[in-house]
Protein backbone atom coordinates (compact mmCIF):
# COMPACT_ATOMS: atom_id res chain seq x y z
CA UNK A 1 21.31 180.73 83.22
CA UNK A 2 17.87 181.91 82.18
CA UNK A 3 17.89 184.08 79.09
CA UNK A 4 15.58 185.91 76.72
CA UNK A 5 15.98 188.13 73.66
CA UNK A 6 14.99 191.76 74.22
CA UNK A 7 14.78 194.94 72.15
CA UNK A 8 16.13 198.30 73.35
CA UNK A 9 13.43 200.96 73.69
CA UNK A 10 15.74 203.70 74.96
CA UNK A 11 19.26 204.04 76.33
CA UNK A 12 21.00 206.68 78.44
CA UNK A 13 23.97 206.73 80.84
CA UNK A 14 24.65 202.98 80.62
CA UNK A 15 21.03 202.03 81.43
CA UNK A 16 18.94 200.50 78.66
CA UNK A 17 15.14 200.25 78.81
CA UNK A 18 14.20 196.96 77.12
CA UNK A 19 11.10 194.97 76.15
CA UNK A 20 10.93 191.22 75.47
CA UNK A 21 10.80 190.39 71.76
CA UNK A 22 9.21 186.95 72.05
CA UNK A 23 5.47 186.55 72.34
CA UNK A 24 3.99 185.71 75.74
CA UNK A 25 2.36 182.32 76.09
CA UNK A 26 3.86 179.12 74.85
CA UNK A 27 2.82 179.07 71.18
CA UNK A 28 4.73 175.80 71.06
CA UNK A 29 2.16 173.58 69.37
CA UNK A 30 -0.25 173.51 66.46
CA UNK A 31 -3.26 174.28 68.68
CA UNK A 32 -1.96 177.60 70.01
CA UNK A 33 -4.90 179.43 68.39
CA UNK A 34 -7.39 177.55 70.61
CA UNK A 35 -5.21 177.09 73.70
CA UNK A 36 -6.21 178.90 76.89
CA UNK A 37 -2.61 179.42 77.98
CA UNK A 38 -1.72 181.06 74.68
CA UNK A 39 -4.81 183.30 74.86
CA UNK A 40 -3.99 184.33 78.40
CA UNK A 41 -0.46 185.26 77.33
CA UNK A 42 -1.83 187.40 74.50
CA UNK A 43 -4.18 189.14 76.94
CA UNK A 44 -1.44 190.05 79.42
CA UNK A 45 1.11 191.01 76.73
CA UNK A 46 -0.64 194.34 76.03
CA UNK A 47 0.35 196.07 79.28
CA UNK A 48 4.04 195.19 79.29
CA UNK A 49 6.42 197.57 81.02
CA UNK A 50 10.02 198.18 80.13
CA UNK A 51 12.84 196.70 82.19
CA UNK A 52 15.83 198.84 83.14
CA UNK A 53 19.08 196.97 82.58
CA UNK A 54 22.64 198.16 83.13
CA UNK A 55 24.41 197.73 79.83
CA UNK A 56 28.07 198.56 79.21
CA UNK A 57 27.79 198.11 75.45
CA UNK A 58 27.00 201.09 73.27
CA UNK A 59 23.36 200.35 72.38
CA UNK A 60 20.77 202.37 70.52
CA UNK A 61 17.01 202.19 70.21
CA UNK A 62 15.96 199.12 68.24
CA UNK A 63 19.09 197.05 69.00
CA UNK A 64 18.61 193.41 69.97
CA UNK A 65 20.12 192.25 73.27
CA UNK A 66 20.37 188.89 75.00
CA UNK A 67 19.23 189.34 78.64
CA UNK A 68 20.22 186.68 81.19
CA UNK A 69 20.01 186.01 84.92
CA UNK A 70 21.07 183.14 87.14
CA UNK A 71 18.58 180.55 88.37
CA UNK A 72 19.55 181.42 91.94
CA UNK A 73 18.51 185.04 91.50
CA UNK A 74 15.19 183.95 90.01
CA UNK A 75 14.61 181.65 92.98
CA UNK A 76 15.44 184.42 95.47
CA UNK A 77 13.09 186.82 93.69
CA UNK A 78 10.29 184.25 93.79
CA UNK A 79 10.82 183.55 97.47
CA UNK A 80 10.88 187.25 98.32
CA UNK A 81 7.82 188.10 96.23
CA UNK A 82 5.62 185.08 96.95
CA UNK A 83 6.79 182.99 99.89
CA UNK A 84 7.52 185.77 102.40
CA UNK A 85 4.06 187.43 102.13
CA UNK A 86 2.32 184.03 102.21
CA UNK A 87 4.17 182.86 105.32
CA UNK A 88 3.54 186.17 107.11
CA UNK A 89 -0.15 186.05 106.14
CA UNK A 90 -0.47 182.59 107.66
CA UNK A 91 1.44 183.73 110.74
CA UNK A 92 -0.81 186.78 111.12
CA UNK A 93 -3.94 184.64 110.86
CA UNK A 94 -2.51 182.13 113.33
CA UNK A 95 -1.61 184.81 115.87
CA UNK A 96 -5.08 186.35 115.61
CA UNK A 97 -6.69 182.93 116.06
CA UNK A 98 -4.44 182.17 119.04
CA UNK A 99 -5.68 185.34 120.74
CA UNK A 100 -9.28 184.28 120.10
CA UNK A 101 -10.12 187.17 117.80
CA UNK A 102 -12.45 185.07 115.63
CA UNK A 103 -12.74 184.85 111.88
CA UNK A 104 -12.65 188.58 111.25
CA UNK A 105 -9.55 188.91 113.39
CA UNK A 106 -7.91 186.05 111.47
CA UNK A 107 -8.71 187.73 108.16
CA UNK A 108 -7.33 191.06 109.40
CA UNK A 109 -4.24 189.30 110.78
CA UNK A 110 -3.68 187.58 107.44
CA UNK A 111 -4.11 190.86 105.56
CA UNK A 112 -1.67 192.64 107.88
CA UNK A 113 0.84 189.80 107.61
CA UNK A 114 0.64 189.83 103.82
CA UNK A 115 1.02 193.60 103.69
CA UNK A 116 4.05 193.36 105.99
CA UNK A 117 5.53 190.69 103.72
CA UNK A 118 5.13 192.86 100.64
CA UNK A 119 6.61 195.88 102.46
CA UNK A 120 9.58 193.88 103.74
CA UNK A 121 10.19 192.57 100.23
CA UNK A 122 10.07 196.11 98.87
CA UNK A 123 12.22 197.62 101.63
CA UNK A 124 15.04 195.13 101.15
CA UNK A 125 15.80 196.86 97.87
CA UNK A 126 17.10 193.58 96.45
CA UNK A 127 16.72 193.05 92.72
CA UNK A 128 18.00 190.19 90.58
CA UNK A 129 21.22 190.87 88.69
CA UNK A 130 20.66 190.73 84.94
CA UNK A 131 23.33 190.94 82.30
CA UNK A 132 22.77 192.11 78.74
CA UNK A 133 24.87 191.22 75.73
CA UNK A 134 24.45 192.68 72.29
CA UNK A 135 23.38 190.23 69.60
CA UNK A 136 25.35 190.34 66.39
């Protein structure tokens, strides 16, 4: 199980909008102030979006929850979001090259394959199942 503490931003009809409470980046050593990974995490932490989570517990704004998902769901999400578009991009470039369309054709084939991969990932409608438990 992969888990993270989150804070409820809003809640209505059994759906809670949550934000992670831990800082992005590792921050795990004494040199986190000069570390590039830590700085990158701080840069990307500003534009965070809320995550909608189905929550049976009666939660209010400001409550702390423990959000978890299985490793299998994380793997499936990664394969759907990253591997499928990459494989279809390579296939599109290969098909264009096989038809002798040149470099521009290969680039267009790769772009079309990648776009198709992203669309297929989006159209599946699959999302990882996350469970939320209220912290005491």
